[in-house]
N, C-alpha and C. Protein backbone atom coordinates (compact mmCIF):
# COMPACT_ATOMS: atom_id res chain seq x y z
N MET A 1 -58.43 -26.64 -55.03
CA MET A 1 -58.00 -27.76 -55.83
C MET A 1 -57.20 -28.74 -54.96
N LYS A 2 -57.53 -30.01 -55.06
CA LYS A 2 -56.84 -31.03 -54.29
C LYS A 2 -55.45 -31.27 -54.85
N PRO A 3 -54.47 -31.54 -53.98
CA PRO A 3 -53.14 -31.93 -54.47
C PRO A 3 -53.23 -33.26 -55.24
N LYS A 4 -52.46 -33.36 -56.32
CA LYS A 4 -52.42 -34.59 -57.11
C LYS A 4 -51.27 -35.46 -56.62
N ILE A 5 -51.63 -36.68 -56.25
CA ILE A 5 -50.65 -37.65 -55.78
C ILE A 5 -50.54 -38.75 -56.83
N LEU A 6 -49.33 -39.00 -57.31
CA LEU A 6 -49.09 -40.06 -58.29
C LEU A 6 -48.43 -41.24 -57.61
N PHE A 7 -49.11 -42.40 -57.66
CA PHE A 7 -48.54 -43.65 -57.15
C PHE A 7 -48.01 -44.45 -58.33
N VAL A 8 -46.76 -44.91 -58.21
CA VAL A 8 -46.13 -45.68 -59.28
C VAL A 8 -45.67 -47.01 -58.68
N ASP A 9 -46.23 -48.09 -59.19
CA ASP A 9 -45.86 -49.42 -58.70
C ASP A 9 -46.26 -50.43 -59.77
N ASP A 10 -45.43 -51.44 -59.99
CA ASP A 10 -45.76 -52.47 -60.97
C ASP A 10 -46.73 -53.50 -60.41
N ASP A 11 -46.99 -53.47 -59.12
CA ASP A 11 -47.92 -54.41 -58.47
C ASP A 11 -49.33 -53.81 -58.52
N GLU A 12 -50.18 -54.39 -59.36
CA GLU A 12 -51.54 -53.87 -59.53
C GLU A 12 -52.33 -53.89 -58.22
N ASN A 13 -52.08 -54.87 -57.36
CA ASN A 13 -52.79 -54.93 -56.07
C ASN A 13 -52.45 -53.72 -55.20
N ASN A 14 -51.17 -53.32 -55.21
CA ASN A 14 -50.77 -52.13 -54.46
C ASN A 14 -51.45 -50.88 -55.02
N LEU A 15 -51.50 -50.76 -56.34
CA LEU A 15 -52.14 -49.61 -56.97
C LEU A 15 -53.62 -49.55 -56.60
N LYS A 16 -54.30 -50.68 -56.65
CA LYS A 16 -55.72 -50.72 -56.30
C LYS A 16 -55.94 -50.34 -54.84
N ALA A 17 -55.08 -50.83 -53.96
CA ALA A 17 -55.22 -50.51 -52.54
C ALA A 17 -55.05 -49.02 -52.29
N PHE A 18 -54.04 -48.40 -52.91
CA PHE A 18 -53.84 -46.96 -52.75
C PHE A 18 -55.04 -46.20 -53.29
N LYS A 19 -55.52 -46.59 -54.44
CA LYS A 19 -56.61 -45.90 -55.12
C LYS A 19 -57.91 -45.98 -54.30
N LYS A 20 -58.12 -47.11 -53.63
CA LYS A 20 -59.37 -47.31 -52.89
C LYS A 20 -59.39 -46.67 -51.51
N ASP A 21 -58.26 -46.28 -51.03
CA ASP A 21 -58.19 -45.73 -49.68
C ASP A 21 -59.06 -44.48 -49.60
N LEU A 22 -60.13 -44.56 -48.84
CA LEU A 22 -61.10 -43.47 -48.81
C LEU A 22 -60.51 -42.17 -48.28
N LYS A 23 -59.68 -42.25 -47.27
CA LYS A 23 -59.13 -41.02 -46.72
C LYS A 23 -58.27 -40.32 -47.77
N LEU A 24 -57.47 -41.07 -48.48
CA LEU A 24 -56.66 -40.46 -49.53
C LEU A 24 -57.55 -39.81 -50.59
N ASN A 25 -58.59 -40.50 -50.99
CA ASN A 25 -59.45 -39.96 -52.04
C ASN A 25 -60.20 -38.72 -51.58
N GLU A 26 -60.46 -38.58 -50.30
CA GLU A 26 -61.10 -37.37 -49.80
C GLU A 26 -60.14 -36.20 -49.77
N ASP A 27 -58.88 -36.46 -49.51
CA ASP A 27 -57.91 -35.38 -49.33
C ASP A 27 -57.13 -35.04 -50.58
N TYR A 28 -56.98 -35.98 -51.49
CA TYR A 28 -56.10 -35.82 -52.64
C TYR A 28 -56.75 -36.36 -53.90
N GLU A 29 -56.30 -35.87 -55.04
CA GLU A 29 -56.63 -36.49 -56.30
C GLU A 29 -55.56 -37.54 -56.58
N ILE A 30 -55.98 -38.77 -56.86
CA ILE A 30 -55.05 -39.88 -57.00
C ILE A 30 -54.89 -40.25 -58.47
N LEU A 31 -53.64 -40.33 -58.91
CA LEU A 31 -53.30 -40.86 -60.23
C LEU A 31 -52.40 -42.06 -60.00
N ILE A 32 -52.49 -43.04 -60.89
CA ILE A 32 -51.66 -44.24 -60.74
C ILE A 32 -50.98 -44.57 -62.07
N SER A 33 -49.83 -45.22 -61.93
CA SER A 33 -49.09 -45.69 -63.09
C SER A 33 -48.38 -46.98 -62.70
N ASN A 34 -48.32 -47.93 -63.64
CA ASN A 34 -47.64 -49.18 -63.34
C ASN A 34 -46.25 -49.26 -63.93
N ASN A 35 -45.74 -48.11 -64.48
CA ASN A 35 -44.37 -48.10 -64.99
C ASN A 35 -43.82 -46.68 -64.97
N THR A 36 -42.51 -46.58 -64.98
CA THR A 36 -41.87 -45.27 -64.82
C THR A 36 -41.93 -44.42 -66.08
N ASN A 37 -42.04 -45.02 -67.26
CA ASN A 37 -42.14 -44.21 -68.48
C ASN A 37 -43.45 -43.43 -68.51
N ASP A 38 -44.56 -44.12 -68.22
CA ASP A 38 -45.85 -43.43 -68.15
C ASP A 38 -45.86 -42.42 -67.01
N ALA A 39 -45.24 -42.80 -65.89
CA ALA A 39 -45.18 -41.89 -64.74
C ALA A 39 -44.42 -40.61 -65.10
N TYR A 40 -43.33 -40.74 -65.81
CA TYR A 40 -42.54 -39.58 -66.22
C TYR A 40 -43.40 -38.63 -67.06
N GLN A 41 -44.16 -39.18 -67.98
CA GLN A 41 -45.01 -38.36 -68.84
C GLN A 41 -46.10 -37.67 -68.01
N LEU A 42 -46.70 -38.39 -67.07
CA LEU A 42 -47.71 -37.79 -66.19
C LEU A 42 -47.12 -36.64 -65.38
N ILE A 43 -45.92 -36.84 -64.88
CA ILE A 43 -45.27 -35.80 -64.08
C ILE A 43 -45.03 -34.56 -64.94
N LYS A 44 -44.65 -34.76 -66.19
CA LYS A 44 -44.42 -33.63 -67.10
C LYS A 44 -45.72 -32.95 -67.50
N ASP A 45 -46.80 -33.73 -67.70
CA ASP A 45 -48.05 -33.19 -68.25
C ASP A 45 -49.03 -32.68 -67.20
N GLU A 46 -49.00 -33.27 -66.04
CA GLU A 46 -49.96 -32.93 -64.98
C GLU A 46 -49.24 -32.10 -63.92
N ASN A 47 -50.00 -31.41 -63.13
CA ASN A 47 -49.44 -30.65 -62.02
C ASN A 47 -49.39 -31.57 -60.79
N ILE A 48 -48.45 -32.51 -60.81
CA ILE A 48 -48.33 -33.51 -59.74
C ILE A 48 -47.72 -32.85 -58.51
N SER A 49 -48.35 -33.07 -57.36
CA SER A 49 -47.88 -32.49 -56.10
C SER A 49 -46.84 -33.36 -55.42
N VAL A 50 -47.05 -34.69 -55.45
CA VAL A 50 -46.14 -35.64 -54.82
C VAL A 50 -46.17 -36.94 -55.62
N VAL A 51 -44.99 -37.53 -55.82
CA VAL A 51 -44.86 -38.85 -56.44
C VAL A 51 -44.49 -39.84 -55.35
N ILE A 52 -45.19 -40.97 -55.33
CA ILE A 52 -44.84 -42.08 -54.44
C ILE A 52 -44.54 -43.26 -55.35
N CYS A 53 -43.30 -43.76 -55.28
CA CYS A 53 -42.85 -44.71 -56.30
C CYS A 53 -42.09 -45.88 -55.69
N ASP A 54 -42.40 -47.06 -56.20
CA ASP A 54 -41.68 -48.26 -55.80
C ASP A 54 -40.24 -48.18 -56.31
N THR A 55 -39.35 -48.82 -55.60
CA THR A 55 -37.94 -48.77 -55.96
C THR A 55 -37.60 -49.73 -57.09
N VAL A 56 -38.03 -50.98 -56.96
CA VAL A 56 -37.66 -52.01 -57.92
C VAL A 56 -38.88 -52.37 -58.77
N MET A 57 -38.73 -52.14 -60.09
CA MET A 57 -39.77 -52.47 -61.06
C MET A 57 -39.10 -52.96 -62.33
N PRO A 58 -39.84 -53.66 -63.19
CA PRO A 58 -39.26 -54.09 -64.46
C PRO A 58 -38.77 -52.88 -65.27
N ASN A 59 -37.78 -53.07 -66.05
CA ASN A 59 -37.17 -52.05 -66.91
C ASN A 59 -36.48 -50.99 -66.06
N THR A 60 -37.16 -49.93 -65.67
CA THR A 60 -36.54 -48.91 -64.81
C THR A 60 -37.36 -48.76 -63.54
N GLY A 61 -36.66 -48.52 -62.45
CA GLY A 61 -37.31 -48.40 -61.16
C GLY A 61 -37.39 -46.96 -60.70
N GLY A 62 -37.82 -46.81 -59.47
CA GLY A 62 -38.04 -45.49 -58.90
C GLY A 62 -36.80 -44.63 -58.78
N LEU A 63 -35.67 -45.23 -58.42
CA LEU A 63 -34.44 -44.45 -58.30
C LEU A 63 -34.03 -43.87 -59.66
N GLU A 64 -34.19 -44.66 -60.72
CA GLU A 64 -33.87 -44.17 -62.05
C GLU A 64 -34.83 -43.07 -62.49
N LEU A 65 -36.11 -43.22 -62.13
CA LEU A 65 -37.09 -42.18 -62.46
C LEU A 65 -36.72 -40.87 -61.77
N LYS A 66 -36.39 -40.93 -60.50
CA LYS A 66 -36.03 -39.71 -59.78
C LYS A 66 -34.77 -39.09 -60.35
N ALA A 67 -33.79 -39.90 -60.70
CA ALA A 67 -32.55 -39.37 -61.31
C ALA A 67 -32.86 -38.68 -62.64
N ARG A 68 -33.75 -39.25 -63.42
CA ARG A 68 -34.15 -38.64 -64.69
C ARG A 68 -34.85 -37.30 -64.46
N LEU A 69 -35.72 -37.25 -63.48
CA LEU A 69 -36.40 -35.99 -63.15
C LEU A 69 -35.39 -34.93 -62.71
N ASN A 70 -34.45 -35.34 -61.87
CA ASN A 70 -33.41 -34.41 -61.42
C ASN A 70 -32.62 -33.87 -62.61
N LYS A 71 -32.26 -34.76 -63.52
CA LYS A 71 -31.48 -34.37 -64.71
C LYS A 71 -32.25 -33.34 -65.54
N ASP A 72 -33.57 -33.49 -65.58
CA ASP A 72 -34.43 -32.60 -66.37
C ASP A 72 -34.92 -31.40 -65.54
N ASN A 73 -34.35 -31.23 -64.35
CA ASN A 73 -34.72 -30.11 -63.45
C ASN A 73 -36.20 -30.09 -63.09
N ILE A 74 -36.77 -31.27 -62.90
CA ILE A 74 -38.15 -31.39 -62.44
C ILE A 74 -38.09 -31.75 -60.96
N SER A 75 -38.58 -30.85 -60.13
CA SER A 75 -38.36 -30.98 -58.69
C SER A 75 -39.61 -31.41 -57.91
N THR A 76 -40.48 -32.19 -58.52
CA THR A 76 -41.66 -32.69 -57.83
C THR A 76 -41.24 -33.49 -56.60
N PRO A 77 -41.83 -33.19 -55.42
CA PRO A 77 -41.49 -33.98 -54.23
C PRO A 77 -41.72 -35.47 -54.47
N PHE A 78 -40.85 -36.29 -53.89
CA PHE A 78 -40.79 -37.71 -54.22
C PHE A 78 -40.67 -38.53 -52.94
N ILE A 79 -41.46 -39.59 -52.87
CA ILE A 79 -41.38 -40.55 -51.76
C ILE A 79 -41.08 -41.91 -52.38
N GLY A 80 -39.92 -42.47 -52.07
CA GLY A 80 -39.57 -43.80 -52.54
C GLY A 80 -40.10 -44.84 -51.57
N MET A 81 -40.42 -46.00 -52.07
CA MET A 81 -40.89 -47.08 -51.19
C MET A 81 -40.28 -48.40 -51.63
N SER A 82 -40.05 -49.24 -50.63
CA SER A 82 -39.47 -50.56 -50.90
C SER A 82 -39.65 -51.45 -49.68
N GLY A 83 -39.66 -52.73 -49.91
CA GLY A 83 -39.64 -53.69 -48.82
C GLY A 83 -38.23 -53.98 -48.34
N ILE A 84 -37.25 -53.33 -48.97
CA ILE A 84 -35.85 -53.54 -48.62
C ILE A 84 -35.32 -52.25 -48.01
N SER A 85 -35.03 -52.28 -46.73
CA SER A 85 -34.65 -51.07 -46.01
C SER A 85 -33.31 -50.49 -46.47
N GLU A 86 -32.48 -51.31 -47.11
CA GLU A 86 -31.18 -50.82 -47.57
C GLU A 86 -31.30 -49.72 -48.62
N TYR A 87 -32.47 -49.58 -49.24
CA TYR A 87 -32.66 -48.52 -50.24
C TYR A 87 -32.85 -47.14 -49.60
N ARG A 88 -33.10 -47.10 -48.30
CA ARG A 88 -33.35 -45.83 -47.61
C ARG A 88 -32.26 -44.80 -47.91
N LYS A 89 -30.99 -45.20 -47.79
CA LYS A 89 -29.89 -44.25 -47.99
C LYS A 89 -29.87 -43.72 -49.42
N GLN A 90 -30.10 -44.57 -50.41
CA GLN A 90 -30.11 -44.12 -51.80
C GLN A 90 -31.21 -43.09 -52.03
N TRP A 91 -32.38 -43.33 -51.46
CA TRP A 91 -33.47 -42.36 -51.59
C TRP A 91 -33.13 -41.05 -50.89
N LYS A 92 -32.59 -41.16 -49.70
CA LYS A 92 -32.23 -39.95 -48.95
C LYS A 92 -31.15 -39.16 -49.68
N ASP A 93 -30.20 -39.86 -50.31
CA ASP A 93 -29.15 -39.18 -51.07
C ASP A 93 -29.71 -38.39 -52.26
N LEU A 94 -30.87 -38.82 -52.77
CA LEU A 94 -31.54 -38.10 -53.85
C LEU A 94 -32.47 -37.00 -53.32
N GLY A 95 -32.49 -36.83 -52.00
CA GLY A 95 -33.34 -35.80 -51.40
C GLY A 95 -34.80 -36.20 -51.27
N CYS A 96 -35.05 -37.50 -51.16
CA CYS A 96 -36.41 -38.01 -51.13
C CYS A 96 -36.77 -38.56 -49.75
N TYR A 97 -38.05 -38.66 -49.53
CA TYR A 97 -38.57 -39.38 -48.37
C TYR A 97 -38.53 -40.86 -48.71
N PHE A 98 -38.67 -41.72 -47.68
CA PHE A 98 -38.63 -43.16 -47.91
C PHE A 98 -39.63 -43.84 -47.00
N LEU A 99 -40.39 -44.77 -47.56
CA LEU A 99 -41.31 -45.61 -46.80
C LEU A 99 -40.94 -47.07 -47.02
N GLU A 100 -40.83 -47.78 -45.92
CA GLU A 100 -40.53 -49.21 -46.00
C GLU A 100 -41.84 -49.99 -45.98
N LYS A 101 -41.97 -50.93 -46.93
CA LYS A 101 -43.15 -51.80 -46.99
C LYS A 101 -43.05 -52.85 -45.90
N PRO A 102 -44.13 -53.28 -45.31
CA PRO A 102 -45.49 -52.80 -45.55
C PRO A 102 -45.66 -51.37 -45.02
N ILE A 103 -46.45 -50.60 -45.74
CA ILE A 103 -46.64 -49.19 -45.41
C ILE A 103 -47.91 -49.03 -44.58
N PHE A 104 -47.76 -48.37 -43.46
CA PHE A 104 -48.90 -48.07 -42.60
C PHE A 104 -49.50 -46.74 -43.03
N ASN A 105 -50.84 -46.66 -43.02
CA ASN A 105 -51.49 -45.44 -43.48
C ASN A 105 -50.99 -44.19 -42.78
N SER A 106 -50.75 -44.27 -41.47
CA SER A 106 -50.30 -43.08 -40.75
C SER A 106 -48.94 -42.61 -41.28
N ASP A 107 -48.04 -43.54 -41.58
CA ASP A 107 -46.74 -43.17 -42.15
C ASP A 107 -46.91 -42.56 -43.54
N LEU A 108 -47.80 -43.13 -44.32
CA LEU A 108 -48.06 -42.63 -45.66
C LEU A 108 -48.58 -41.20 -45.60
N TYR A 109 -49.61 -40.97 -44.79
CA TYR A 109 -50.19 -39.63 -44.69
C TYR A 109 -49.17 -38.62 -44.16
N ASN A 110 -48.41 -39.02 -43.17
CA ASN A 110 -47.39 -38.11 -42.61
C ASN A 110 -46.36 -37.72 -43.66
N ASN A 111 -45.90 -38.70 -44.44
CA ASN A 111 -44.91 -38.41 -45.48
C ASN A 111 -45.48 -37.54 -46.59
N ILE A 112 -46.72 -37.80 -46.97
CA ILE A 112 -47.36 -36.97 -48.00
C ILE A 112 -47.47 -35.53 -47.50
N GLU A 113 -47.96 -35.36 -46.30
CA GLU A 113 -48.13 -34.00 -45.75
C GLU A 113 -46.78 -33.28 -45.61
N GLU A 114 -45.76 -34.01 -45.21
CA GLU A 114 -44.42 -33.41 -45.11
C GLU A 114 -43.90 -33.00 -46.48
N ALA A 115 -44.12 -33.85 -47.47
CA ALA A 115 -43.66 -33.54 -48.83
C ALA A 115 -44.40 -32.36 -49.44
N LEU A 116 -45.65 -32.16 -49.02
CA LEU A 116 -46.43 -31.04 -49.55
C LEU A 116 -46.04 -29.70 -48.98
N LYS A 117 -45.28 -29.69 -47.89
CA LYS A 117 -44.90 -28.42 -47.26
C LYS A 117 -43.94 -27.63 -48.12
């Protein structure tokens, strides 16, 4: 069974790009969500292996989603992403990996594989 990777981003173009990446689709099952409420439900309902989530989104962002998961004792590995490098420390403080946009495929794959360990 392929690991399930959940991408969460309010930017539909980013979601489409992640979904279309052939290497990812060969190695992983890809799920996408454009908001953290739906993402939270997917994480609870599906056997998600890794979450990759944007930091800043309308309503609630990735940091709030991770804090909610922590509060509910859901320990799914998490990779935060942002175009603002100052978020790195906040993600690291939550025990997460961090990718700075623009994201290079090699960095993405390396972080996913590290999170799956």
